[in-house]
């Protein structure tokens, strides 16, 4: 318009709780296949963490927390002890997920990297968490030509390539 503002269609405007309007106040496991095409986009990762936690709380079942294993890789090896684990757990370098991942069976998750393109496990693939194990997560592909296929997602070691930290 004349004020350089974007006019949104009335169907896109929410005056209530956005998570309630998109996913409902309670989510049953039977609802999950119908919810796989719904998404709330957030401008910042910190906002998406809040939305994800609100959606997860609507799912029945026990939440499992997966924690990262933090360590340092220094060229000289001497700086490693200068960074306590508590500090490493508090930072989230670009391209690395947060220290804790909270999941429940039935949660809808999105792959953030290519794992096996031939099996449809690539960046952006939506999966339904079916079972939570100590070192793997059993998932079902929720969309695309591989819909319904099951896969185990293992723990993956990540080393940030661009960080403000000297390791």
N, C-alpha and C. Protein backbone atom coordinates (compact mmCIF):
# COMPACT_ATOMS: atom_id res chain seq x y z
N UNK A 1 0.83 -1.19 0.00
CA UNK A 1 0.00 0.00 0.00
C UNK A 1 0.87 1.25 0.00
N UNK A 2 0.26 2.40 0.19
CA UNK A 2 1.01 3.66 0.11
C UNK A 2 1.98 3.85 1.27
N UNK A 3 1.86 3.09 2.35
CA UNK A 3 2.77 3.20 3.50
C UNK A 3 3.90 2.17 3.44
N UNK A 4 4.07 1.54 2.28
CA UNK A 4 5.07 0.47 2.12
C UNK A 4 4.83 -0.68 3.10
N UNK A 5 3.59 -0.98 3.37
CA UNK A 5 3.21 -2.10 4.23
C UNK A 5 2.55 -3.17 3.37
N UNK A 6 2.63 -4.39 3.83
CA UNK A 6 2.00 -5.50 3.11
C UNK A 6 0.66 -5.78 3.77
N UNK A 7 -0.39 -5.78 2.98
CA UNK A 7 -1.72 -6.12 3.48
C UNK A 7 -1.89 -7.64 3.42
N UNK A 8 -2.16 -8.24 4.57
CA UNK A 8 -2.35 -9.68 4.64
C UNK A 8 -3.82 -10.02 4.44
N UNK A 9 -4.09 -11.13 3.76
CA UNK A 9 -5.48 -11.58 3.67
C UNK A 9 -6.01 -11.89 5.08
N UNK A 10 -7.30 -11.67 5.30
CA UNK A 10 -7.86 -11.87 6.64
C UNK A 10 -7.69 -13.30 7.13
N UNK A 11 -7.62 -14.26 6.22
CA UNK A 11 -7.42 -15.66 6.61
C UNK A 11 -6.04 -15.93 7.18
N UNK A 12 -5.12 -15.00 7.00
CA UNK A 12 -3.75 -15.16 7.51
C UNK A 12 -3.54 -14.44 8.84
N UNK A 13 -4.56 -13.77 9.33
CA UNK A 13 -4.41 -12.98 10.55
C UNK A 13 -5.00 -13.76 11.72
N UNK A 14 -4.23 -13.87 12.79
CA UNK A 14 -4.66 -14.58 13.99
C UNK A 14 -4.63 -13.62 15.17
N UNK A 15 -5.71 -13.58 15.92
CA UNK A 15 -5.71 -12.76 17.12
C UNK A 15 -5.66 -13.63 18.38
N UNK A 16 -5.53 -14.93 18.18
CA UNK A 16 -5.43 -15.85 19.31
C UNK A 16 -4.06 -16.50 19.35
N UNK A 17 -3.99 -17.67 19.96
CA UNK A 17 -2.74 -18.42 20.05
C UNK A 17 -2.52 -19.12 18.71
N UNK A 18 -1.45 -18.78 18.02
CA UNK A 18 -1.18 -19.33 16.69
C UNK A 18 -1.03 -20.85 16.72
N UNK A 19 -0.35 -21.37 17.73
CA UNK A 19 -0.16 -22.83 17.83
C UNK A 19 -1.51 -23.52 17.99
N UNK A 20 -2.41 -22.95 18.82
CA UNK A 20 -3.76 -23.52 18.97
C UNK A 20 -4.51 -23.51 17.64
N UNK A 21 -4.39 -22.42 16.88
CA UNK A 21 -5.13 -22.31 15.63
C UNK A 21 -4.61 -23.25 14.56
N UNK A 22 -3.31 -23.51 14.54
CA UNK A 22 -2.72 -24.38 13.52
C UNK A 22 -2.82 -25.85 13.90
N UNK A 23 -2.54 -26.18 15.17
CA UNK A 23 -2.46 -27.58 15.59
C UNK A 23 -3.56 -28.01 16.56
N UNK A 24 -4.29 -27.07 17.15
CA UNK A 24 -5.30 -27.40 18.15
C UNK A 24 -4.72 -27.41 19.55
N UNK A 25 -5.61 -27.43 20.54
CA UNK A 25 -5.16 -27.39 21.94
C UNK A 25 -4.57 -28.73 22.40
N UNK A 26 -5.07 -29.81 21.82
CA UNK A 26 -4.57 -31.15 22.16
C UNK A 26 -4.36 -31.91 20.86
N UNK A 27 -3.30 -32.68 20.80
CA UNK A 27 -2.99 -33.46 19.61
C UNK A 27 -2.97 -34.93 20.00
N UNK A 28 -3.81 -35.74 19.34
CA UNK A 28 -3.76 -37.18 19.57
C UNK A 28 -2.87 -37.81 18.51
N UNK A 29 -2.38 -39.00 18.79
CA UNK A 29 -1.51 -39.68 17.84
C UNK A 29 -2.23 -39.97 16.52
N UNK A 30 -3.55 -40.11 16.58
CA UNK A 30 -4.33 -40.33 15.36
C UNK A 30 -4.36 -39.09 14.47
N UNK A 31 -4.18 -37.90 15.06
CA UNK A 31 -4.19 -36.64 14.31
C UNK A 31 -2.93 -36.42 13.49
N UNK A 32 -1.83 -37.06 13.86
CA UNK A 32 -0.51 -36.74 13.31
C UNK A 32 -0.46 -36.78 11.79
N UNK A 33 -0.95 -37.84 11.11
CA UNK A 33 -0.86 -37.85 9.64
C UNK A 33 -1.55 -36.64 8.99
N UNK A 34 -2.60 -36.13 9.60
CA UNK A 34 -3.32 -34.97 9.05
C UNK A 34 -2.62 -33.65 9.34
N UNK A 35 -1.67 -33.65 10.26
CA UNK A 35 -0.98 -32.42 10.64
C UNK A 35 0.36 -32.24 9.92
N UNK A 36 0.77 -33.24 9.15
CA UNK A 36 2.10 -33.21 8.53
C UNK A 36 2.27 -32.10 7.50
N UNK A 37 1.18 -31.57 6.99
CA UNK A 37 1.30 -30.50 6.00
C UNK A 37 1.13 -29.12 6.62
N UNK A 38 1.10 -29.05 7.93
CA UNK A 38 0.98 -27.76 8.62
C UNK A 38 2.33 -27.36 9.18
N UNK A 39 2.59 -26.06 9.15
CA UNK A 39 3.89 -25.58 9.62
C UNK A 39 3.74 -24.13 10.08
N UNK A 40 4.50 -23.77 11.08
CA UNK A 40 4.60 -22.38 11.51
C UNK A 40 6.04 -21.95 11.25
N UNK A 41 6.21 -20.96 10.39
CA UNK A 41 7.54 -20.46 10.07
C UNK A 41 7.90 -19.33 11.03
N UNK A 42 9.12 -19.35 11.51
CA UNK A 42 9.58 -18.34 12.46
C UNK A 42 10.79 -17.61 11.89
N UNK A 43 10.91 -16.32 12.19
CA UNK A 43 12.04 -15.56 11.65
C UNK A 43 13.38 -15.91 12.29
N UNK A 44 13.36 -16.42 13.51
CA UNK A 44 14.61 -16.73 14.21
C UNK A 44 14.52 -18.11 14.86
N UNK A 45 15.68 -18.77 14.98
CA UNK A 45 15.72 -20.09 15.60
C UNK A 45 15.17 -20.06 17.02
N UNK A 46 15.45 -19.01 17.77
CA UNK A 46 14.98 -18.93 19.15
C UNK A 46 13.46 -18.93 19.20
N UNK A 47 12.80 -18.33 18.19
CA UNK A 47 11.34 -18.35 18.14
C UNK A 47 10.82 -19.74 17.80
N UNK A 48 11.51 -20.42 16.89
CA UNK A 48 11.07 -21.77 16.51
C UNK A 48 11.19 -22.73 17.68
N UNK A 49 12.18 -22.55 18.54
CA UNK A 49 12.32 -23.41 19.72
C UNK A 49 11.12 -23.25 20.64
N UNK A 50 10.64 -22.03 20.80
CA UNK A 50 9.47 -21.77 21.64
C UNK A 50 8.22 -22.42 21.04
N UNK A 51 8.02 -22.24 19.74
CA UNK A 51 6.86 -22.84 19.07
C UNK A 51 6.94 -24.36 19.13
N UNK A 52 8.11 -24.93 18.86
CA UNK A 52 8.28 -26.38 18.90
C UNK A 52 7.92 -26.93 20.28
N UNK A 53 8.34 -26.25 21.32
CA UNK A 53 8.06 -26.70 22.69
C UNK A 53 6.55 -26.64 22.97
N UNK A 54 5.88 -25.60 22.48
CA UNK A 54 4.43 -25.49 22.67
C UNK A 54 3.69 -26.62 21.95
N UNK A 55 4.12 -26.96 20.74
CA UNK A 55 3.49 -28.05 20.00
C UNK A 55 3.77 -29.38 20.70
N UNK A 56 4.99 -29.59 21.14
CA UNK A 56 5.37 -30.84 21.81
C UNK A 56 4.54 -31.06 23.07
N UNK A 57 4.24 -29.99 23.80
CA UNK A 57 3.45 -30.11 25.03
C UNK A 57 2.02 -30.57 24.74
N UNK A 58 1.54 -30.40 23.53
CA UNK A 58 0.18 -30.81 23.17
C UNK A 58 0.10 -32.30 22.84
N UNK A 59 1.24 -32.93 22.61
CA UNK A 59 1.28 -34.36 22.31
C UNK A 59 1.21 -35.18 23.59
N UNK A 60 0.50 -36.32 23.55
CA UNK A 60 0.52 -37.20 24.72
C UNK A 60 1.86 -37.93 24.80
N UNK A 61 2.14 -38.51 25.93
CA UNK A 61 3.33 -39.34 26.06
C UNK A 61 4.45 -38.68 26.82
N UNK A 62 5.51 -39.45 26.97
CA UNK A 62 6.67 -39.03 27.75
C UNK A 62 7.69 -38.38 26.84
N UNK A 63 8.20 -37.26 27.27
CA UNK A 63 9.21 -36.52 26.52
C UNK A 63 10.59 -37.10 26.83
N UNK A 64 11.39 -37.28 25.80
CA UNK A 64 12.78 -37.72 25.97
C UNK A 64 13.69 -36.57 25.55
N UNK A 65 14.70 -36.32 26.36
CA UNK A 65 15.64 -35.24 26.08
C UNK A 65 16.95 -35.85 25.60
N UNK A 66 17.36 -35.44 24.41
CA UNK A 66 18.65 -35.85 23.86
C UNK A 66 19.61 -34.68 24.04
N UNK A 67 20.73 -34.94 24.69
CA UNK A 67 21.73 -33.90 24.92
C UNK A 67 22.92 -34.12 24.01
N UNK A 68 23.51 -33.03 23.56
CA UNK A 68 24.70 -33.14 22.72
C UNK A 68 25.89 -33.57 23.57
N UNK A 69 26.88 -34.08 22.91
CA UNK A 69 28.15 -34.39 23.57
C UNK A 69 29.10 -33.30 23.11
N UNK A 70 29.44 -32.40 24.03
CA UNK A 70 30.25 -31.25 23.66
C UNK A 70 31.71 -31.47 24.01
N UNK A 71 32.55 -31.05 23.11
CA UNK A 71 33.98 -31.09 23.32
C UNK A 71 34.62 -30.10 22.37
N UNK A 72 35.90 -29.92 22.51
CA UNK A 72 36.61 -28.99 21.64
C UNK A 72 37.66 -29.72 20.83
N UNK A 73 37.94 -29.19 19.67
CA UNK A 73 39.03 -29.69 18.84
C UNK A 73 39.94 -28.51 18.56
N UNK A 74 41.02 -28.42 19.32
CA UNK A 74 41.98 -27.33 19.15
C UNK A 74 43.21 -27.87 18.45
N UNK A 75 43.79 -27.05 17.60
CA UNK A 75 44.98 -27.49 16.88
C UNK A 75 46.14 -27.77 17.82
N UNK A 76 46.30 -26.95 18.84
CA UNK A 76 47.42 -27.16 19.76
C UNK A 76 47.06 -28.08 20.92
N UNK A 77 45.76 -28.36 21.12
CA UNK A 77 45.34 -29.26 22.18
C UNK A 77 45.35 -28.66 23.57
N UNK A 78 45.97 -27.51 23.74
CA UNK A 78 46.09 -26.92 25.07
C UNK A 78 44.86 -26.12 25.48
N UNK A 79 44.10 -25.60 24.53
CA UNK A 79 42.96 -24.76 24.86
C UNK A 79 41.73 -25.55 25.28
N UNK A 80 41.71 -26.86 25.07
CA UNK A 80 40.52 -27.65 25.32
C UNK A 80 40.01 -27.51 26.75
N UNK A 81 40.89 -27.47 27.72
CA UNK A 81 40.45 -27.40 29.11
C UNK A 81 40.00 -25.99 29.49
N UNK A 82 40.20 -25.00 28.64
CA UNK A 82 39.78 -23.63 28.93
C UNK A 82 38.29 -23.41 28.69
N UNK A 83 37.59 -24.39 28.15
CA UNK A 83 36.17 -24.25 27.82
C UNK A 83 35.38 -25.32 28.57
N UNK A 84 34.82 -24.96 29.73
CA UNK A 84 34.04 -25.94 30.51
C UNK A 84 32.81 -26.42 29.73
N UNK A 85 32.39 -27.64 30.01
CA UNK A 85 31.24 -28.23 29.34
C UNK A 85 30.00 -27.35 29.49
N UNK A 86 29.80 -26.77 30.66
CA UNK A 86 28.63 -25.92 30.89
C UNK A 86 28.62 -24.74 29.91
N UNK A 87 29.80 -24.16 29.66
CA UNK A 87 29.89 -23.07 28.69
C UNK A 87 29.58 -23.57 27.29
N UNK A 88 30.17 -24.71 26.90
CA UNK A 88 29.94 -25.26 25.56
C UNK A 88 28.46 -25.54 25.34
N UNK A 89 27.76 -26.01 26.39
CA UNK A 89 26.33 -26.30 26.27
C UNK A 89 25.50 -25.04 26.13
N UNK A 90 26.04 -23.90 26.52
CA UNK A 90 25.27 -22.65 26.49
C UNK A 90 25.36 -21.92 25.15
N UNK A 91 26.31 -22.28 24.30
CA UNK A 91 26.46 -21.58 23.02
C UNK A 91 25.89 -22.43 21.89
N UNK A 92 25.37 -21.76 20.87
CA UNK A 92 24.85 -22.45 19.70
C UNK A 92 25.45 -21.79 18.46
N UNK A 93 26.62 -22.28 18.01
CA UNK A 93 27.25 -21.70 16.82
C UNK A 93 26.34 -21.87 15.59
N UNK A 94 26.53 -21.03 14.62
CA UNK A 94 25.75 -21.08 13.39
C UNK A 94 25.88 -22.46 12.74
N UNK A 95 24.75 -23.02 12.33
CA UNK A 95 24.75 -24.31 11.66
C UNK A 95 24.73 -25.50 12.59
N UNK A 96 24.67 -25.26 13.90
CA UNK A 96 24.67 -26.35 14.87
C UNK A 96 23.38 -26.24 15.69
N UNK A 97 22.68 -27.36 15.90
CA UNK A 97 21.45 -27.30 16.70
C UNK A 97 21.74 -27.03 18.17
N UNK A 98 20.72 -26.66 18.93
CA UNK A 98 20.92 -26.42 20.37
C UNK A 98 21.40 -27.66 21.10
N UNK A 99 21.91 -27.46 22.31
CA UNK A 99 22.46 -28.54 23.13
C UNK A 99 21.43 -29.62 23.44
N UNK A 100 20.19 -29.25 23.66
CA UNK A 100 19.15 -30.22 24.02
C UNK A 100 18.10 -30.32 22.92
N UNK A 101 17.70 -31.56 22.63
CA UNK A 101 16.63 -31.83 21.69
C UNK A 101 15.55 -32.59 22.44
N UNK A 102 14.36 -32.00 22.55
CA UNK A 102 13.24 -32.64 23.24
C UNK A 102 12.33 -33.28 22.19
N UNK A 103 12.00 -34.56 22.38
CA UNK A 103 11.15 -35.28 21.43
C UNK A 103 10.13 -36.14 22.17
N UNK A 104 9.04 -36.44 21.47
CA UNK A 104 8.04 -37.40 21.91
C UNK A 104 7.66 -38.24 20.69
N UNK A 105 7.20 -39.46 20.94
CA UNK A 105 6.65 -40.26 19.85
C UNK A 105 5.46 -39.49 19.28
N UNK A 106 5.39 -39.40 17.96
CA UNK A 106 4.33 -38.66 17.30
C UNK A 106 4.74 -37.27 16.85
N UNK A 107 5.88 -36.79 17.34
CA UNK A 107 6.34 -35.45 16.94
C UNK A 107 6.69 -35.44 15.46
N UNK A 108 6.39 -34.33 14.82
CA UNK A 108 6.77 -34.14 13.42
C UNK A 108 8.07 -33.35 13.42
N UNK A 109 9.08 -33.89 12.74
CA UNK A 109 10.39 -33.24 12.70
C UNK A 109 10.80 -33.03 11.24
N UNK A 110 11.77 -32.16 11.04
CA UNK A 110 12.27 -31.87 9.69
C UNK A 110 13.77 -32.13 9.67
N UNK A 111 14.23 -32.91 8.69
CA UNK A 111 15.67 -33.13 8.54
C UNK A 111 16.34 -31.83 8.12
N UNK A 112 17.49 -31.56 8.71
CA UNK A 112 18.22 -30.33 8.41
C UNK A 112 19.45 -30.58 7.54
N UNK A 113 19.67 -31.82 7.13
CA UNK A 113 20.79 -32.13 6.25
C UNK A 113 20.47 -33.40 5.47
N UNK A 114 21.18 -33.59 4.38
CA UNK A 114 21.00 -34.78 3.56
C UNK A 114 21.63 -35.98 4.26
N UNK A 115 20.83 -37.02 4.49
CA UNK A 115 21.36 -38.26 5.08
C UNK A 115 21.45 -39.37 4.05
N UNK A 116 20.41 -39.53 3.23
CA UNK A 116 20.40 -40.56 2.19
C UNK A 116 19.39 -40.12 1.12
N UNK A 117 19.87 -39.39 0.14
CA UNK A 117 19.00 -38.80 -0.87
C UNK A 117 18.21 -39.87 -1.62
N UNK A 118 18.82 -41.02 -1.90
CA UNK A 118 18.14 -42.09 -2.64
C UNK A 118 16.93 -42.62 -1.89
N UNK A 119 16.95 -42.54 -0.57
CA UNK A 119 15.82 -43.01 0.24
C UNK A 119 14.92 -41.85 0.66
N UNK A 120 15.15 -40.67 0.09
CA UNK A 120 14.31 -39.52 0.38
C UNK A 120 14.62 -38.83 1.69
N UNK A 121 15.78 -39.13 2.28
CA UNK A 121 16.17 -38.52 3.55
C UNK A 121 17.09 -37.34 3.28
N UNK A 122 16.49 -36.23 2.87
CA UNK A 122 17.28 -35.05 2.52
C UNK A 122 16.75 -33.82 3.25
N UNK A 123 17.53 -32.77 3.18
CA UNK A 123 17.21 -31.52 3.85
C UNK A 123 15.77 -31.11 3.54
N UNK A 124 14.97 -30.90 4.58
CA UNK A 124 13.58 -30.48 4.40
C UNK A 124 12.56 -31.60 4.49
N UNK A 125 13.01 -32.85 4.50
CA UNK A 125 12.09 -33.98 4.59
C UNK A 125 11.40 -33.98 5.95
N UNK A 126 10.09 -34.13 5.94
CA UNK A 126 9.33 -34.19 7.19
C UNK A 126 9.18 -35.64 7.61
N UNK A 127 9.41 -35.89 8.89
CA UNK A 127 9.37 -37.23 9.46
C UNK A 127 8.45 -37.23 10.68
N UNK A 128 7.85 -38.39 10.95
CA UNK A 128 7.09 -38.57 12.18
C UNK A 128 7.91 -39.46 13.09
N UNK A 129 8.17 -39.01 14.30
CA UNK A 129 8.91 -39.80 15.28
C UNK A 129 7.99 -40.93 15.74
N UNK A 130 8.45 -42.16 15.61
CA UNK A 130 7.66 -43.32 16.02
C UNK A 130 8.15 -43.93 17.34
N UNK A 131 9.47 -44.05 17.50
CA UNK A 131 10.03 -44.60 18.75
C UNK A 131 11.31 -43.86 19.07
N UNK A 132 11.57 -43.73 20.36
CA UNK A 132 12.76 -43.04 20.85
C UNK A 132 13.69 -44.05 21.50
N UNK A 133 14.90 -44.15 20.99
CA UNK A 133 15.91 -45.04 21.55
C UNK A 133 17.04 -44.17 22.12
N UNK A 134 17.98 -44.80 22.81
CA UNK A 134 19.06 -44.02 23.42
C UNK A 134 19.97 -43.34 22.40
N UNK A 135 20.29 -44.03 21.31
CA UNK A 135 21.24 -43.47 20.34
C UNK A 135 20.67 -43.28 18.94
N UNK A 136 19.41 -43.63 18.76
CA UNK A 136 18.74 -43.44 17.47
C UNK A 136 17.30 -43.01 17.71
N UNK A 137 16.71 -42.46 16.66
CA UNK A 137 15.29 -42.11 16.68
C UNK A 137 14.65 -42.82 15.49
N UNK A 138 13.64 -43.64 15.75
CA UNK A 138 12.92 -44.38 14.72
C UNK A 138 11.86 -43.45 14.14
N UNK A 139 11.96 -43.17 12.84
CA UNK A 139 11.06 -42.21 12.19
C UNK A 139 10.40 -42.81 10.96
N UNK A 140 9.27 -42.23 10.60
CA UNK A 140 8.55 -42.58 9.38
C UNK A 140 8.52 -41.36 8.47
N UNK A 141 8.86 -41.55 7.21
CA UNK A 141 8.81 -40.44 6.25
C UNK A 141 7.35 -40.02 6.10
N UNK A 142 7.07 -38.72 6.26
CA UNK A 142 5.70 -38.23 6.29
C UNK A 142 5.21 -37.68 4.96
N UNK A 143 6.12 -37.37 4.05
CA UNK A 143 5.71 -36.73 2.80
C UNK A 143 6.53 -37.28 1.63
N UNK A 144 6.06 -37.00 0.42
CA UNK A 144 6.82 -37.36 -0.77
C UNK A 144 6.65 -38.79 -1.21
N UNK A 145 7.45 -39.20 -2.19
CA UNK A 145 7.33 -40.53 -2.77
C UNK A 145 7.78 -41.64 -1.82
N UNK A 146 8.52 -41.30 -0.78
CA UNK A 146 8.96 -42.31 0.20
C UNK A 146 8.08 -42.32 1.45
N UNK A 147 6.93 -41.69 1.37
CA UNK A 147 6.00 -41.61 2.50
C UNK A 147 5.70 -43.01 3.03
N UNK A 148 5.77 -43.15 4.36
CA UNK A 148 5.50 -44.43 5.00
C UNK A 148 6.73 -45.25 5.29
N UNK A 149 7.84 -44.97 4.61
CA UNK A 149 9.09 -45.71 4.87
C UNK A 149 9.62 -45.37 6.25
N UNK A 150 10.14 -46.38 6.93
CA UNK A 150 10.72 -46.18 8.26
C UNK A 150 12.23 -46.11 8.16
N UNK A 151 12.83 -45.35 9.07
CA UNK A 151 14.28 -45.21 9.10
C UNK A 151 14.74 -44.89 10.51
N UNK A 152 15.96 -45.27 10.82
CA UNK A 152 16.57 -44.92 12.10
C UNK A 152 17.51 -43.74 11.87
N UNK A 153 17.31 -42.68 12.61
CA UNK A 153 18.19 -41.51 12.53
C UNK A 153 19.18 -41.61 13.68
N UNK A 154 20.48 -41.72 13.38
CA UNK A 154 21.49 -41.86 14.44
C UNK A 154 21.94 -40.51 14.96
N UNK A 155 22.68 -40.55 16.06
CA UNK A 155 23.38 -39.35 16.52
C UNK A 155 24.41 -38.99 15.46
N UNK A 156 24.58 -37.71 15.23
CA UNK A 156 25.52 -37.25 14.21
C UNK A 156 26.47 -36.24 14.83
N UNK A 157 27.76 -36.45 14.63
CA UNK A 157 28.76 -35.49 15.13
C UNK A 157 28.79 -34.29 14.20
N UNK A 158 28.75 -33.12 14.78
CA UNK A 158 28.78 -31.88 14.01
C UNK A 158 29.93 -31.00 14.49
N UNK A 159 30.65 -30.46 13.55
CA UNK A 159 31.73 -29.52 13.87
C UNK A 159 31.44 -28.25 13.07
N UNK A 160 31.16 -27.14 13.76
CA UNK A 160 30.85 -25.91 13.03
C UNK A 160 32.04 -25.43 12.22
N UNK A 161 31.76 -24.99 10.99
CA UNK A 161 32.85 -24.51 10.13
C UNK A 161 33.13 -23.03 10.34
N UNK A 162 32.13 -22.30 10.82
CA UNK A 162 32.30 -20.86 11.01
C UNK A 162 31.79 -20.52 12.40
N UNK A 163 32.68 -20.17 13.28
CA UNK A 163 32.29 -19.87 14.65
C UNK A 163 33.14 -18.75 15.20
N UNK A 164 32.60 -18.06 16.19
CA UNK A 164 33.35 -17.00 16.84
C UNK A 164 34.29 -17.56 17.90
N UNK A 165 34.19 -18.85 18.15
CA UNK A 165 35.04 -19.48 19.16
C UNK A 165 36.33 -19.98 18.52
N UNK A 166 37.43 -19.96 19.24
CA UNK A 166 38.74 -20.33 18.66
C UNK A 166 39.01 -21.82 18.62
N UNK A 167 38.00 -22.65 18.40
CA UNK A 167 38.23 -24.09 18.30
C UNK A 167 37.31 -24.68 17.27
